[in-house]
């Protein structure tokens, strides 16, 4: 089946989000319920409330008083998508929209620090590892928000966006806990815990490395290299990464979109002046595992290498972002299959994306960050890659679609 081009679908997805002022529900926003909040007083009751809402076969949020809200990470994803569409088209409306979203992010930073840092718009209980109150910063949310400001600077040369990105890097280096693991000084997930997540360190490393090209910030590139060395150390003999370190504490094995985060980050290291043959080999081994073990034959993104369901929009989106950057033909073929599968199974003609297809229940709730923000970013990335190519891009050429305007 022939679908609309990524550019056209990205426009529809953006319009859908814009019509709702970029506010919506999130899979993990159950603790925003005024009905459940009085009972969510410890790790167990918080977890039960949050996952009860998350895993319900029907959307309970309207009944529980959970209001649609802007999610800082979601706003960053939409801002980055607009910037990539601006790169693809040169149309100023995309830049204007990106700047409006970035100015909102600049204003609505975490209230617990003087630096630019961001967290989710809801209380979040991460198993028994940590509790993160609403808007308290985490390394991952801060990286995605700061990266959008850095993208803006790279496109426009504006100093205000570089200043925000630089200040966010300062926060991560000074505010996020550091934990020693196997002789490496790795970042925990938040300022309050000692839970070391591999993809969080990879994302921070790639952000620091990219930022170091635009600022004389002391030791940024060196810190990036230290973090990347930790990520390389954490890679197993099959080329994959567990979610956390040590692996025995990981509640996920080799899952799809977190592996995509690591590979996207490692690609930047491999392509940089600091990358070498060892880094390139680690990236290629990881990409081979990703392509071989984390997708069904029809392009459906497996949840983990040993578990197919649920097939999730977040995994589809990150897979497209990760795979389209590679120069590997097999990766491009898988990206094309993922695109076709996602448009066939997770896209609604109203302009939004479902969250996931489960073994028993599907979740067709349109989540503003988890599915809409991520898929808009992925589509914009495909549009940019097609525009950068003299010929039809590897993904668009594979599935028989073109940019039409």
Protein backbone atom coordinates (compact mmCIF):
# COMPACT_ATOMS: atom_id res chain seq x y z
CA UNK A 1 0.00 0.00 0.00
CA UNK A 2 1.24 3.49 -0.85
CA UNK A 3 0.99 6.01 1.96
CA UNK A 4 1.37 9.77 2.04
CA UNK A 5 4.95 10.97 2.22
CA UNK A 6 6.64 11.41 5.60
CA UNK A 7 6.54 15.18 5.04
CA UNK A 8 2.78 15.18 4.47
CA UNK A 9 2.10 12.90 7.42
CA UNK A 10 4.39 14.96 9.67
CA UNK A 11 2.34 18.04 8.74
CA UNK A 12 -0.88 16.26 9.69
CA UNK A 13 0.62 15.01 12.95
CA UNK A 14 1.84 18.51 13.81
CA UNK A 15 -1.56 19.99 12.99
CA UNK A 16 -3.26 17.45 15.25
CA UNK A 17 -0.94 18.38 18.14
CA UNK A 18 -1.14 22.12 17.43
CA UNK A 19 -4.95 22.00 17.48
CA UNK A 20 -4.65 20.69 21.05
CA UNK A 21 -1.97 23.25 21.97
CA UNK A 22 0.51 20.38 22.27
CA UNK A 23 -1.22 19.13 25.43
CA UNK A 24 -2.42 15.60 26.04
CA UNK A 25 -2.19 12.45 28.09
CA UNK A 26 0.88 10.34 28.83
CA UNK A 27 1.07 6.59 29.58
CA UNK A 28 2.56 7.36 33.00
CA UNK A 29 0.49 10.34 34.15
CA UNK A 30 -1.84 8.38 36.46
CA UNK A 31 -0.43 10.04 39.58
CA UNK A 32 -1.83 13.36 38.30
CA UNK A 33 -5.25 12.04 39.28
CA UNK A 34 -6.76 13.93 42.25
CA UNK A 35 -8.73 10.74 42.96
CA UNK A 36 -5.66 8.48 43.23
CA UNK A 37 -3.15 10.95 44.70
CA UNK A 38 -4.36 10.64 48.34
CA UNK A 39 -3.71 6.87 48.23
CA UNK A 40 -0.34 7.05 46.43
CA UNK A 41 1.81 7.60 49.49
CA UNK A 42 4.58 4.99 49.14
CA UNK A 43 6.43 3.21 46.35
CA UNK A 44 3.94 0.33 46.17
CA UNK A 45 0.73 2.38 46.08
CA UNK A 46 2.27 4.88 43.65
CA UNK A 47 3.33 2.04 41.37
CA UNK A 48 -0.09 0.40 41.58
CA UNK A 49 -1.90 3.65 40.77
CA UNK A 50 0.42 4.63 37.93
CA UNK A 51 0.44 1.23 36.23
CA UNK A 52 -3.24 0.64 36.89
CA UNK A 53 -3.99 3.66 34.71
CA UNK A 54 -1.21 2.82 32.26
CA UNK A 55 -2.27 -0.76 31.65
CA UNK A 56 -6.04 -0.33 31.72
CA UNK A 57 -7.68 -1.57 28.47
CA UNK A 58 -9.78 1.63 28.50
CA UNK A 59 -8.61 5.19 29.08
CA UNK A 60 -9.50 5.94 32.71
CA UNK A 61 -7.99 9.42 32.80
CA UNK A 62 -11.16 11.44 32.12
CA UNK A 63 -12.94 9.54 34.91
CA UNK A 64 -10.01 10.04 37.30
CA UNK A 65 -9.66 13.77 36.68
CA UNK A 66 -6.32 13.59 34.84
CA UNK A 67 -6.10 16.69 32.65
CA UNK A 68 -4.33 16.88 29.28
CA UNK A 69 -1.08 18.80 29.82
CA UNK A 70 2.06 19.84 28.03
CA UNK A 71 4.96 17.49 28.64
CA UNK A 72 8.40 19.18 28.46
CA UNK A 73 9.98 16.25 26.65
CA UNK A 74 7.06 16.14 24.25
CA UNK A 75 7.44 19.84 23.53
CA UNK A 76 11.14 19.25 22.81
CA UNK A 77 10.29 16.44 20.38
CA UNK A 78 7.84 18.67 18.49
CA UNK A 79 10.38 21.52 18.44
CA UNK A 80 13.05 19.22 16.99
CA UNK A 81 10.56 17.92 14.44
CA UNK A 82 9.78 21.48 13.31
CA UNK A 83 13.50 22.24 13.02
CA UNK A 84 14.06 19.16 10.88
CA UNK A 85 11.14 20.10 8.65
CA UNK A 86 12.66 23.56 8.34
CA UNK A 87 15.92 21.90 7.25
CA UNK A 88 14.02 19.82 4.72
CA UNK A 89 11.98 22.64 3.21
CA UNK A 90 13.44 26.02 4.12
CA UNK A 91 9.92 27.16 5.03
CA UNK A 92 10.02 29.76 7.78
CA UNK A 93 6.74 28.66 9.37
CA UNK A 94 8.46 25.59 10.76
CA UNK A 95 11.22 27.67 12.31
CA UNK A 96 8.67 30.05 13.83
CA UNK A 97 6.75 27.16 15.35
CA UNK A 98 9.94 25.59 16.71
CA UNK A 99 10.97 28.87 18.31
CA UNK A 100 7.58 29.31 19.95
CA UNK A 101 7.93 25.86 21.51
CA UNK A 102 11.52 26.48 22.58
CA UNK A 103 10.60 29.77 24.22
CA UNK A 104 7.96 27.89 26.21
CA UNK A 105 10.58 25.35 27.29
CA UNK A 106 12.96 28.14 28.21
CA UNK A 107 10.32 29.60 30.52
CA UNK A 108 9.00 26.36 32.02
CA UNK A 109 12.16 24.80 33.39
CA UNK A 110 12.34 22.77 36.59
CA UNK A 111 11.55 24.92 39.65
CA UNK A 112 14.12 23.12 41.81
CA UNK A 113 17.27 24.47 40.13
CA UNK A 114 18.54 27.79 38.86
CA UNK A 115 19.84 26.04 35.74
CA UNK A 116 17.92 25.01 32.65
CA UNK A 117 16.76 21.47 33.39
CA UNK A 118 13.51 19.61 32.84
CA UNK A 119 11.45 16.72 34.12
CA UNK A 120 8.13 15.10 33.38
CA UNK A 121 4.85 16.85 34.18
CA UNK A 122 3.80 14.08 36.56
CA UNK A 123 5.05 12.22 39.60
CA UNK A 124 6.89 9.12 38.45
CA UNK A 125 7.70 5.97 40.42
CA UNK A 126 10.40 3.91 38.70
CA UNK A 127 9.81 0.45 40.19
CA UNK A 128 11.59 0.50 43.57
CA UNK A 129 14.59 2.37 42.17
CA UNK A 130 13.47 5.96 42.73
CA UNK A 131 10.57 8.38 42.97
CA UNK A 132 10.74 11.53 40.86
CA UNK A 133 8.25 14.31 41.70
CA UNK A 134 6.64 16.24 38.86
CA UNK A 135 8.96 18.68 37.08
CA UNK A 136 12.03 17.51 39.01
CA UNK A 137 14.79 16.99 36.44
CA UNK A 138 16.16 13.78 35.01
CA UNK A 139 19.14 13.39 32.74
CA UNK A 140 17.08 12.01 29.82
CA UNK A 141 14.40 14.71 29.78
CA UNK A 142 17.05 17.40 30.18
CA UNK A 143 19.12 16.00 27.30
CA UNK A 144 16.18 15.88 24.89
CA UNK A 145 15.10 19.41 25.75
CA UNK A 146 18.64 20.79 25.57
CA UNK A 147 19.30 18.98 22.32
CA UNK A 148 16.39 20.83 20.70
CA UNK A 149 18.01 24.15 21.69
CA UNK A 150 21.34 22.96 20.30
CA UNK A 151 19.67 21.98 17.01
CA UNK A 152 18.21 25.47 16.81
CA UNK A 153 21.63 27.05 17.33
CA UNK A 154 23.20 24.84 14.67
CA UNK A 155 20.56 25.92 12.16
CA UNK A 156 20.38 29.62 12.98
CA UNK A 157 23.56 30.58 14.84
CA UNK A 158 21.43 32.13 17.59
CA UNK A 159 23.31 32.64 20.84
CA UNK A 160 20.25 32.41 23.13
CA UNK A 161 19.60 28.79 22.23
CA UNK A 162 23.28 27.87 22.62
CA UNK A 163 23.27 29.53 26.04
CA UNK A 164 20.33 27.39 27.15
CA UNK A 165 21.95 24.18 25.86
CA UNK A 166 25.23 25.04 27.57
CA UNK A 167 23.52 25.79 30.87
CA UNK A 168 21.66 22.49 30.67
CA UNK A 169 24.96 20.66 30.22
CA UNK A 170 26.24 22.44 33.30
CA UNK A 171 23.23 21.22 35.25
CA UNK A 172 23.78 17.60 34.21
CA UNK A 173 27.44 17.74 35.18
CA UNK A 174 26.77 19.41 38.53
CA UNK A 175 23.28 18.24 39.48
CA UNK A 176 22.87 14.61 38.41
CA UNK A 177 24.28 11.98 40.75
CA UNK A 178 27.46 10.22 39.69
CA UNK A 179 27.89 6.53 40.53
CA UNK A 180 31.09 4.51 40.18
CA UNK A 181 30.50 1.34 38.14
CA UNK A 182 33.42 -0.95 37.27
CA UNK A 183 35.80 1.97 37.56
CA UNK A 184 33.68 4.33 35.45
CA UNK A 185 31.97 7.46 36.75
CA UNK A 186 28.52 7.09 35.25
CA UNK A 187 25.41 9.19 35.70
CA UNK A 188 22.41 8.03 37.69
CA UNK A 189 18.99 8.86 36.29
CA UNK A 190 18.19 11.78 38.60
CA UNK A 191 19.74 13.93 41.33
CA UNK A 192 18.20 11.59 43.93
CA UNK A 193 19.10 8.01 43.00
CA UNK A 194 21.96 5.65 42.14
CA UNK A 195 20.23 3.77 39.30
CA UNK A 196 22.61 3.67 36.32
CA UNK A 197 20.85 3.41 32.96
CA UNK A 198 22.98 2.74 29.88
CA UNK A 199 20.97 4.74 27.35
CA UNK A 200 20.84 7.78 29.66
CA UNK A 201 24.64 7.87 29.74
CA UNK A 202 24.86 7.38 25.98
CA UNK A 203 22.45 10.26 25.35
CA UNK A 204 24.36 12.55 27.71
CA UNK A 205 27.64 11.60 26.03
CA UNK A 206 26.34 12.38 22.53
CA UNK A 207 24.88 15.70 23.69
CA UNK A 208 28.15 16.73 25.37
CA UNK A 209 30.18 15.73 22.32
CA UNK A 210 27.94 17.66 19.95
CA UNK A 211 27.82 20.70 22.23
CA UNK A 212 31.62 20.73 22.55
CA UNK A 213 31.85 21.66 18.87
CA UNK A 214 30.11 24.96 19.60
CA UNK A 215 31.45 26.04 22.97
CA UNK A 216 34.70 26.11 24.86
CA UNK A 217 33.04 24.57 27.90
CA UNK A 218 35.71 22.98 30.02
CA UNK A 219 36.10 19.23 29.58
CA UNK A 220 32.85 18.60 27.68
CA UNK A 221 34.42 16.44 24.99
CA UNK A 222 36.56 14.60 27.52
CA UNK A 223 33.52 13.89 29.68
CA UNK A 224 31.67 12.66 26.61
CA UNK A 225 34.50 10.28 25.83
CA UNK A 226 34.51 8.95 29.40
CA UNK A 227 30.79 8.23 29.19
CA UNK A 228 31.13 6.57 25.81
CA UNK A 229 33.87 4.33 27.22
CA UNK A 230 31.39 3.24 29.88
CA UNK A 231 28.79 2.49 27.19
CA UNK A 232 31.32 0.43 25.23
CA UNK A 233 32.23 -1.44 28.40
CA UNK A 234 28.56 -2.26 28.98
CA UNK A 235 28.08 -3.84 25.52
CA UNK A 236 27.79 -7.62 25.73
CA UNK A 237 29.42 -10.21 23.48
CA UNK A 238 26.36 -10.29 21.21
CA UNK A 239 26.61 -6.56 20.50
CA UNK A 240 23.65 -5.58 22.72
CA UNK A 241 23.06 -3.57 25.88
CA UNK A 242 20.92 -4.28 28.89
CA UNK A 243 18.82 -1.39 30.13
CA UNK A 244 20.84 -0.78 33.29
CA UNK A 245 24.14 -1.58 34.93
CA UNK A 246 24.71 -4.02 36.51
CA UNK A 247 22.62 -6.15 34.19
CA UNK A 248 21.30 -8.17 37.13
CA UNK A 249 19.32 -5.11 38.23
CA UNK A 250 17.79 -4.47 34.82
CA UNK A 251 14.04 -4.99 34.50
CA UNK A 252 14.47 -5.03 30.72
CA UNK A 253 16.85 -7.18 28.71
CA UNK A 254 17.63 -5.92 25.20
CA UNK A 255 14.65 -3.74 24.37
CA UNK A 256 13.95 -1.83 21.18
CA UNK A 257 13.88 1.92 21.63
CA UNK A 258 16.47 2.14 24.41
CA UNK A 259 18.85 0.20 22.15
CA UNK A 260 18.00 2.74 19.47
CA UNK A 261 19.02 5.58 21.79
CA UNK A 262 22.39 3.94 22.42
CA UNK A 263 23.03 3.35 18.72
CA UNK A 264 21.99 6.86 17.68
CA UNK A 265 24.40 8.22 20.27
CA UNK A 266 27.24 5.85 19.42
CA UNK A 267 26.90 6.75 15.75
CA UNK A 268 27.77 10.36 16.59
CA UNK A 269 30.86 9.19 18.45
CA UNK A 270 31.91 6.92 15.60
CA UNK A 271 31.52 9.76 13.09
CA UNK A 272 33.43 12.28 15.20
CA UNK A 273 37.13 13.03 15.22
CA UNK A 274 37.39 11.11 18.49
CA UNK A 275 35.89 7.94 17.07
CA UNK A 276 38.17 5.13 15.93
CA UNK A 277 37.91 1.66 14.45
CA UNK A 278 37.05 0.14 17.83
CA UNK A 279 34.10 2.53 18.22
CA UNK A 280 32.96 1.89 14.66
CA UNK A 281 33.08 -1.85 15.24
CA UNK A 282 31.05 -1.56 18.45
CA UNK A 283 28.45 0.52 16.60
CA UNK A 284 28.26 -1.95 13.72
CA UNK A 285 27.96 -4.91 16.09
CA UNK A 286 25.15 -3.14 17.93
CA UNK A 287 23.40 -2.19 14.70
CA UNK A 288 23.63 -5.78 13.48
CA UNK A 289 21.98 -7.01 16.68
CA UNK A 290 19.32 -4.29 16.42
CA UNK A 291 18.43 -5.14 12.82
CA UNK A 292 18.60 -8.90 13.31
CA UNK A 293 16.91 -9.38 16.68
CA UNK A 294 14.51 -6.51 17.36
CA UNK A 295 12.11 -6.53 14.40
CA UNK A 296 9.63 -8.95 12.92
CA UNK A 297 9.89 -9.89 9.26
CA UNK A 298 7.11 -7.42 8.36
CA UNK A 299 8.77 -4.50 10.17
CA UNK A 300 6.85 -4.64 13.46
CA UNK A 301 9.20 -3.48 16.24
CA UNK A 302 9.61 -6.21 18.85
CA UNK A 303 9.45 -5.04 22.46
CA UNK A 304 12.58 -6.98 23.42
CA UNK A 305 14.82 -9.38 21.55
CA UNK A 306 13.08 -12.34 23.20
CA UNK A 307 9.58 -10.81 23.44
CA UNK A 308 7.53 -9.60 20.49
CA UNK A 309 4.58 -7.85 22.13
CA UNK A 310 3.66 -5.09 22.56
CA UNK A 311 4.47 -3.44 19.24
CA UNK A 312 4.88 0.18 20.23
CA UNK A 313 4.87 3.53 18.40
CA UNK A 314 7.79 4.81 20.47
CA UNK A 315 9.87 1.85 19.26
CA UNK A 316 8.79 2.43 15.65
CA UNK A 317 9.76 6.10 15.85
CA UNK A 318 13.17 5.62 17.41
CA UNK A 319 13.91 2.78 15.00
CA UNK A 320 13.29 5.11 12.05
CA UNK A 321 15.49 7.82 13.56
CA UNK A 322 18.27 5.31 14.30
CA UNK A 323 18.18 3.28 11.10
CA UNK A 324 17.83 6.08 8.57
CA UNK A 325 21.13 7.63 9.72
CA UNK A 326 23.06 4.45 9.00
CA UNK A 327 24.79 3.77 5.71
CA UNK A 328 23.90 0.07 6.01
CA UNK A 329 21.57 -1.28 3.30
CA UNK A 330 19.98 -3.85 5.61
CA UNK A 331 19.21 -1.09 8.10
CA UNK A 332 17.54 0.95 5.36
CA UNK A 333 15.43 -2.03 4.32
CA UNK A 334 14.28 -2.55 7.90
CA UNK A 335 13.51 1.17 8.23
CA UNK A 336 11.32 1.02 5.16
CA UNK A 337 9.46 -2.00 6.54
CA UNK A 338 9.02 -0.28 9.92
CA UNK A 339 7.59 2.79 8.19
CA UNK A 340 5.12 0.74 6.16
CA UNK A 341 4.07 -1.35 9.15
CA UNK A 342 3.61 1.68 11.39
CA UNK A 343 1.52 3.59 8.87
CA UNK A 344 -0.61 0.50 8.30
CA UNK A 345 -1.16 -0.47 11.95
CA UNK A 346 -0.66 2.56 14.21
CA UNK A 347 -1.76 5.60 12.20
CA UNK A 348 -5.25 7.09 12.32
CA UNK A 349 -6.37 9.20 9.38
CA UNK A 350 -7.36 11.97 11.80
CA UNK A 351 -3.64 12.62 12.09
CA UNK A 352 -2.56 10.84 15.26
CA UNK A 353 -0.75 7.64 16.15
CA UNK A 354 -1.92 4.87 18.44
CA UNK A 355 0.40 3.83 21.20
CA UNK A 356 0.70 0.10 20.69
CA UNK A 357 -0.67 -3.27 19.66
CA UNK A 358 -0.68 -5.76 22.52
CA UNK A 359 -0.99 -9.50 22.71
CA UNK A 360 -4.50 -9.16 24.16
CA UNK A 361 -5.41 -5.45 24.23
CA UNK A 362 -4.43 -2.59 21.92
CA UNK A 363 -3.91 0.92 23.28
CA UNK A 364 -5.35 3.41 20.81
CA UNK A 365 -5.16 6.39 23.15
CA UNK A 366 -3.32 9.26 21.40
CA UNK A 367 -0.51 10.13 23.81
CA UNK A 368 1.04 13.53 23.17
CA UNK A 369 4.64 12.59 23.98
CA UNK A 370 4.90 8.83 23.75
CA UNK A 371 3.36 8.33 20.32
CA UNK A 372 2.54 11.68 18.70
CA UNK A 373 5.72 13.54 19.60
CA UNK A 374 7.97 10.63 18.77
CA UNK A 375 6.34 9.77 15.46
CA UNK A 376 6.29 13.41 14.36
CA UNK A 377 10.03 13.57 15.04
CA UNK A 378 10.61 10.35 13.11
CA UNK A 379 8.60 11.55 10.10
CA UNK A 380 10.40 14.87 10.10
CA UNK A 381 13.72 13.02 10.21
CA UNK A 382 12.72 10.96 7.18
CA UNK A 383 11.67 14.12 5.35
CA UNK A 384 15.02 15.74 6.12
CA UNK A 385 17.00 12.69 5.01
CA UNK A 386 15.06 12.56 1.72
CA UNK A 387 15.67 16.26 1.11
CA UNK A 388 19.39 15.81 1.80
CA UNK A 389 19.70 13.17 -0.89
CA UNK A 390 20.29 13.99 -4.56
CA UNK A 391 18.11 11.01 -5.37
CA UNK A 392 15.13 9.57 -3.55
CA UNK A 393 16.25 8.77 -0.03
CA UNK A 394 16.92 5.16 0.96
CA UNK A 395 13.67 4.80 2.88
CA UNK A 396 11.41 6.69 0.47
CA UNK A 397 12.96 4.92 -2.49
CA UNK A 398 12.41 1.53 -0.90
CA UNK A 399 8.69 1.97 -0.26
CA UNK A 400 7.86 3.94 -3.38
CA UNK A 401 7.00 7.33 -1.89
CA UNK A 402 8.19 10.84 -2.69
CA UNK A 403 8.02 14.24 -1.17
CA UNK A 404 5.22 15.86 -3.14
CA UNK A 405 5.56 19.55 -2.35
